[in-house]
Amino acid sequence: MKVFKYWHREQRNSNNSKGLPYALTAWGGSGSSLEDARTRALEKLDAWVMRLGCGEALGEYEYRNGELREELLETIYDEQGREVAAITRNRYGAAVLNTASLLIADVDADIRKPGLFTRLFALFGHQQRDKAWHLENIRHVAQRHGQLGFIVYETFAGFRVFVTGRDFSPADTESRALLNELGSDQLYQVLCRTQQCYRARLTAKPWRCGLPLPERSFPRQDSTAEAAFSQWLSNYQAKTTAIAVCRHVEKIGPVSSAASNELLALHDRWTIKTTSTALA
C-alpha cells in the first residue's frame, strides 16, 4: 500500500526545452522518516527537470501515481504483526479504510430520476443501471464465483462489495476482471492499481451533511492552518457521528476468514449507525 506517515515538499524553478519557465513542486512520502520523504521529493524533481529538458510532458497526477497525500490515522496489523490495513483522512476530511488484503468494489448506480432519454433507451431494451439493476448483477456475479464470499452494502450512490475467500492483489488481472464484472467505478479501479490497495470511505461526505470542505490540504503548513482544520474537524465530527455511510444488504457465499472478518467488523463499527436511516 502507498500509505505514508511522513510527507515533505520541495520546490524548484526550471525551464523546458523551449526555454519556458516552470515552477515545480514535488511531495515525497515515506513510511520511515521525514529525511526519506525529502529524498523522494528531490528524486521526483530531478526526474521532472530531466523530462522537461527532453521536451516531455510531466503528466503527474495523484490518481496516476497513487501517492495520495492523506493523514495516517491508524495502522491495523494481523496476529503476526504484518500491516494489513490503514485508516487515512482524505482530501475532503473523510476517514478511509485502505487494505491490500481484502478486495473491495465500489459500485455507482444511476440514481437520477428517469428522463426523456432514459425512457427512449428503455424502448430499445436499454435498462437504466439503477440500484436494483446493480444488485441483481452482483448476485449473478456471486453465483458465477461460488467459491467466494460477497458481503454487500448499500451506499448513497450504489453499493460496496467485499469479496472474501482469497486475497486479490490490486494489480492482478483477476482483480481487474472481478471489479469489472461487479460494475465497479473505473476511476476507483485506477486508484486501486496505482495506490496498490482497495479503499472504502468510513465517514460521511461533508457536502451531504451541509458542511463546507476543509480549507487547507494535508500536510498543513502552519499553526493557523492547523487551527482552522481543527475547528472544521470538530464541526464535522459533531455533525457526522450518528450518520451512516452504508447499510448491510446481504452476504452471499461461504464464510469468510478470521482476518477478513476483523476488517469487516472494523468497517461496520465506523459506517453502520442504528439511529441513522439516510446514507451520506
Protein backbone atom coordinates (compact mmCIF):
# COMPACT_ATOMS: atom_id res chain seq x y z
CA MET A 1 0.00 0.00 0.00
CA LYS A 2 1.19 3.51 -0.78
CA VAL A 3 0.12 4.92 2.59
CA PHE A 4 2.74 7.16 4.17
CA LYS A 5 3.23 8.60 7.64
CA TYR A 6 5.73 11.31 6.64
CA TRP A 7 5.47 13.92 3.87
CA HIS A 8 7.90 16.56 2.65
CA ARG A 9 7.60 19.25 -0.02
CA GLU A 10 10.41 20.52 -2.25
CA GLN A 11 10.26 23.29 -4.87
CA ARG A 12 12.49 24.17 -7.79
CA ASN A 13 12.42 26.50 -10.81
CA SER A 14 13.34 25.03 -14.17
CA ASN A 15 12.90 25.52 -17.93
CA ASN A 16 11.59 23.22 -20.61
CA SER A 17 13.36 22.51 -23.91
CA LYS A 18 11.93 25.74 -25.40
CA GLY A 19 13.18 27.86 -22.52
CA LEU A 20 9.77 28.38 -20.93
CA PRO A 21 9.93 28.64 -17.11
CA TYR A 22 8.31 26.11 -14.81
CA ALA A 23 7.82 26.40 -11.04
CA LEU A 24 7.90 22.78 -9.85
CA THR A 25 6.56 21.46 -6.55
CA ALA A 26 7.05 17.84 -5.52
CA TRP A 27 5.83 15.97 -2.45
CA GLY A 28 7.67 12.94 -1.22
CA GLY A 29 6.04 10.35 1.04
CA SER A 30 7.69 7.83 3.34
CA GLY A 31 6.71 5.30 5.96
CA SER A 32 10.05 5.56 7.77
CA SER A 33 11.23 9.18 8.17
CA LEU A 34 10.99 12.80 7.04
CA GLU A 35 14.50 12.55 5.60
CA ASP A 36 13.44 9.66 3.39
CA ALA A 37 10.37 11.66 2.32
CA ARG A 38 12.67 14.59 1.42
CA THR A 39 14.89 12.28 -0.63
CA ARG A 40 11.89 11.02 -2.58
CA ALA A 41 10.68 14.57 -3.26
CA LEU A 42 14.11 15.55 -4.59
CA GLU A 43 14.19 12.44 -6.78
CA LYS A 44 10.86 13.46 -8.29
CA LEU A 45 12.15 16.97 -9.01
CA ASP A 46 15.30 15.59 -10.67
CA ALA A 47 13.18 13.35 -12.89
CA TRP A 48 10.81 16.18 -13.82
CA VAL A 49 13.65 18.57 -14.70
CA MET A 50 15.17 15.91 -16.95
CA ARG A 51 11.85 15.28 -18.68
CA LEU A 52 11.26 18.99 -19.21
CA GLY A 53 14.72 19.32 -20.74
CA CYS A 54 13.89 16.49 -23.16
CA GLY A 55 10.64 18.15 -24.21
CA GLU A 56 8.40 15.60 -22.44
CA ALA A 57 5.13 16.44 -20.70
CA LEU A 58 5.12 15.93 -16.94
CA GLY A 59 1.69 14.35 -16.73
CA GLU A 60 1.86 13.82 -12.95
CA TYR A 61 -1.45 13.36 -11.16
CA GLU A 62 -2.33 11.87 -7.78
CA TYR A 63 -4.66 9.24 -9.20
CA ARG A 64 -1.99 8.20 -11.70
CA ASN A 65 0.99 7.77 -9.37
CA GLY A 66 -1.06 6.51 -6.45
CA GLU A 67 0.58 8.72 -3.83
CA LEU A 68 -2.36 10.40 -2.15
CA ARG A 69 -1.35 12.96 0.49
CA GLU A 70 -3.56 11.75 3.31
CA GLU A 71 -3.12 11.91 7.06
CA LEU A 72 -2.45 8.49 8.57
CA LEU A 73 -4.92 7.94 11.44
CA GLU A 74 -4.37 4.29 12.31
CA THR A 75 -2.46 1.22 11.12
CA ILE A 76 -4.01 -2.24 11.54
CA TYR A 77 -1.82 -5.31 12.00
CA ASP A 78 -2.63 -9.02 11.97
CA GLU A 79 -1.64 -11.52 14.69
CA GLN A 80 1.78 -11.96 13.08
CA GLY A 81 2.45 -8.23 13.22
CA ARG A 82 2.03 -7.68 9.50
CA GLU A 83 0.37 -4.49 8.27
CA VAL A 84 -2.98 -5.43 6.72
CA ALA A 85 -4.83 -2.10 6.60
CA ALA A 86 -4.65 1.59 7.40
CA ILE A 87 -7.16 4.33 8.07
CA THR A 88 -6.37 7.69 6.49
CA ARG A 89 -8.15 11.05 6.18
CA ASN A 90 -8.77 12.05 2.57
CA ARG A 91 -8.62 15.47 0.94
CA TYR A 92 -12.19 16.41 1.93
CA GLY A 93 -11.84 15.23 5.53
CA ALA A 94 -13.47 11.78 5.50
CA ALA A 95 -11.82 8.73 7.07
CA VAL A 96 -10.93 5.98 4.59
CA LEU A 97 -10.09 2.29 5.06
CA ASN A 98 -7.14 1.15 2.90
CA THR A 99 -6.26 -2.54 2.54
CA ALA A 100 -4.41 -4.72 0.07
CA SER A 101 -5.64 -7.96 1.64
CA LEU A 102 -9.39 -7.72 1.01
CA LEU A 103 -10.97 -6.86 -2.35
CA ILE A 104 -13.47 -4.00 -2.13
CA ALA A 105 -15.61 -3.00 -5.11
CA ASP A 106 -17.13 0.48 -5.30
CA VAL A 107 -20.25 0.30 -7.50
CA ASP A 108 -22.00 3.51 -8.56
CA ALA A 109 -25.59 3.25 -9.80
CA ASP A 110 -27.56 5.66 -11.95
CA ILE A 111 -29.60 7.33 -9.21
CA ARG A 112 -31.07 10.09 -11.40
CA LYS A 113 -34.81 10.22 -11.91
CA PRO A 114 -35.76 8.72 -15.31
CA GLY A 115 -35.89 11.38 -18.01
CA LEU A 116 -36.89 11.50 -21.67
CA PHE A 117 -33.70 9.87 -22.96
CA THR A 118 -33.90 7.14 -20.31
CA ARG A 119 -37.43 6.30 -21.41
CA LEU A 120 -36.42 6.33 -25.08
CA PHE A 121 -33.49 3.99 -24.41
CA ALA A 122 -35.83 1.68 -22.48
CA LEU A 123 -37.96 1.31 -25.61
CA PHE A 124 -34.93 -0.25 -27.31
CA GLY A 125 -34.15 -2.58 -24.41
CA HIS A 126 -31.52 -0.40 -22.70
CA GLN A 127 -32.33 -0.75 -19.00
CA GLN A 128 -31.31 2.02 -16.61
CA ARG A 129 -28.50 0.76 -14.41
CA ASP A 130 -30.09 1.81 -11.15
CA LYS A 131 -29.55 0.22 -7.75
CA ALA A 132 -31.95 -2.64 -8.50
CA TRP A 133 -30.05 -3.48 -11.70
CA HIS A 134 -26.67 -3.45 -9.95
CA LEU A 135 -27.87 -5.56 -7.02
CA GLU A 136 -29.15 -8.20 -9.42
CA ASN A 137 -25.83 -8.09 -11.29
CA ILE A 138 -23.87 -8.52 -8.04
CA ARG A 139 -25.96 -11.59 -7.24
CA HIS A 140 -25.27 -13.08 -10.68
CA VAL A 141 -21.52 -12.47 -10.25
CA ALA A 142 -21.63 -14.18 -6.86
CA GLN A 143 -23.33 -17.21 -8.42
CA ARG A 144 -20.58 -17.46 -11.05
CA HIS A 145 -17.92 -17.38 -8.31
CA GLY A 146 -19.48 -19.77 -5.81
CA GLN A 147 -16.19 -20.43 -4.03
CA LEU A 148 -16.00 -16.79 -2.91
CA GLY A 149 -17.98 -14.80 -0.35
CA PHE A 150 -19.67 -11.50 -1.27
CA ILE A 151 -20.69 -9.11 1.53
CA VAL A 152 -22.92 -6.41 0.04
CA TYR A 153 -23.64 -2.95 1.48
CA GLU A 154 -25.84 -0.20 0.07
CA THR A 155 -24.25 3.25 -0.16
CA PHE A 156 -25.65 6.67 -1.05
CA ALA A 157 -24.87 6.20 -4.74
CA GLY A 158 -24.82 2.43 -5.15
CA PHE A 159 -23.14 -0.49 -3.44
CA ARG A 160 -19.94 -1.52 -1.71
CA VAL A 161 -18.95 -5.17 -2.07
CA PHE A 162 -16.31 -7.02 -0.05
CA VAL A 163 -15.06 -10.24 -1.67
CA THR A 164 -13.74 -12.88 0.74
CA GLY A 165 -12.36 -16.39 0.40
CA ARG A 166 -8.96 -15.46 -1.05
CA ASP A 167 -6.68 -12.46 -1.50
CA PHE A 168 -6.77 -10.45 -4.72
CA SER A 169 -3.78 -8.22 -5.42
CA PRO A 170 -5.00 -4.80 -6.65
CA ALA A 171 -2.62 -5.12 -9.63
CA ASP A 172 -3.76 -8.60 -10.72
CA THR A 173 -5.71 -9.14 -13.93
CA GLU A 174 -8.08 -11.36 -11.90
CA SER A 175 -8.82 -8.46 -9.59
CA ARG A 176 -9.49 -6.15 -12.52
CA ALA A 177 -11.76 -8.72 -14.17
CA LEU A 178 -13.81 -9.24 -11.00
CA LEU A 179 -14.14 -5.50 -10.36
CA ASN A 180 -15.37 -5.06 -13.93
CA GLU A 181 -17.88 -7.90 -13.51
CA LEU A 182 -19.25 -6.21 -10.41
CA GLY A 183 -19.53 -2.90 -12.27
CA SER A 184 -17.00 -1.09 -10.11
CA ASP A 185 -16.18 2.53 -10.90
CA GLN A 186 -13.31 2.84 -13.42
CA LEU A 187 -11.54 5.75 -11.70
CA TYR A 188 -11.68 3.81 -8.44
CA GLN A 189 -10.04 0.85 -10.21
CA VAL A 190 -7.20 3.08 -11.44
CA LEU A 191 -6.61 4.33 -7.90
CA CYS A 192 -6.59 0.77 -6.53
CA ARG A 193 -3.88 -0.27 -9.00
CA THR A 194 -1.70 2.80 -8.56
CA GLN A 195 -2.02 3.02 -4.77
CA GLN A 196 -1.76 -0.79 -4.51
CA CYS A 197 -4.76 -1.18 -2.22
CA TYR A 198 -8.55 -1.11 -2.11
CA ARG A 199 -10.41 1.71 -0.39
CA ALA A 200 -13.68 2.22 1.46
CA ARG A 201 -14.85 5.56 2.84
CA LEU A 202 -15.77 5.25 6.53
CA THR A 203 -17.35 8.64 7.32
CA ALA A 204 -19.81 10.91 5.53
CA LYS A 205 -19.03 13.28 2.69
CA PRO A 206 -19.24 16.77 4.24
CA TRP A 207 -21.36 18.36 1.49
CA ARG A 208 -24.05 15.71 2.03
CA CYS A 209 -24.30 16.93 5.63
CA GLY A 210 -24.46 20.63 4.84
CA LEU A 211 -20.81 21.26 5.69
CA PRO A 212 -18.11 23.03 3.63
CA LEU A 213 -14.89 21.36 2.57
CA PRO A 214 -11.83 21.90 4.78
CA GLU A 215 -9.88 24.91 3.58
CA ARG A 216 -6.35 23.52 3.83
CA SER A 217 -4.98 20.28 2.44
CA PHE A 218 -2.69 17.90 4.34
CA PRO A 219 0.02 18.36 5.48
CA ARG A 220 -0.96 21.73 6.90
CA GLN A 221 1.93 24.16 6.80
CA ASP A 222 1.49 26.37 9.86
CA SER A 223 -0.35 26.80 13.15
CA THR A 224 -3.05 28.96 11.52
CA ALA A 225 -3.88 26.22 9.02
CA GLU A 226 -3.80 23.59 11.74
CA ALA A 227 -6.17 25.60 13.95
CA ALA A 228 -8.58 26.19 11.06
CA PHE A 229 -8.64 22.49 10.24
CA SER A 230 -9.11 21.50 13.88
CA GLN A 231 -12.17 23.74 14.07
CA TRP A 232 -13.55 22.27 10.84
CA LEU A 233 -12.89 18.72 12.08
CA SER A 234 -14.69 19.41 15.36
CA ASN A 235 -17.76 20.60 13.44
CA TYR A 236 -17.54 17.67 11.03
CA GLN A 237 -17.32 15.05 13.77
CA ALA A 238 -20.19 16.59 15.71
CA LYS A 239 -22.39 16.60 12.60
CA THR A 240 -21.48 13.14 11.26
CA THR A 241 -21.05 10.95 14.37
CA ALA A 242 -24.52 9.44 14.02
CA ILE A 243 -24.70 9.45 10.20
CA ALA A 244 -24.37 6.11 8.41
CA VAL A 245 -22.20 5.69 5.34
CA CYS A 246 -23.73 2.37 4.31
CA ARG A 247 -26.14 -0.35 5.41
CA HIS A 248 -25.70 -4.11 5.19
CA VAL A 249 -27.78 -5.74 2.45
CA GLU A 250 -26.78 -9.40 2.32
CA LYS A 251 -23.99 -11.97 2.41
CA ILE A 252 -23.63 -14.45 -0.44
CA GLY A 253 -21.33 -17.46 -0.46
CA PRO A 254 -19.06 -19.23 2.03
CA VAL A 255 -17.93 -17.99 5.42
CA SER A 256 -15.02 -15.57 5.28
CA SER A 257 -11.70 -15.89 7.12
CA ALA A 258 -10.90 -14.57 10.59
CA ALA A 259 -8.67 -11.86 9.06
CA SER A 260 -11.36 -10.56 6.71
CA ASN A 261 -13.96 -10.79 9.48
CA GLU A 262 -11.82 -8.49 11.62
CA LEU A 263 -11.62 -5.87 8.87
CA LEU A 264 -15.34 -6.18 8.19
CA ALA A 265 -16.10 -5.66 11.88
CA LEU A 266 -13.89 -2.55 11.91
CA HIS A 267 -15.65 -1.28 8.79
CA ASP A 268 -19.09 -1.83 10.33
CA ARG A 269 -18.16 -0.03 13.57
CA TRP A 270 -17.33 3.07 11.56
CA THR A 271 -20.03 3.03 8.90
CA ILE A 272 -23.24 1.49 10.25
CA LYS A 273 -25.35 3.56 12.66
CA THR A 274 -28.50 2.10 14.19
CA THR A 275 -30.04 5.55 14.64
CA SER A 276 -29.47 6.65 11.02
CA THR A 277 -31.73 5.94 8.06
CA ALA A 278 -30.21 8.30 5.49
CA LEU A 279 -26.84 7.49 3.90
CA ALA A 280 -24.07 10.02 3.34
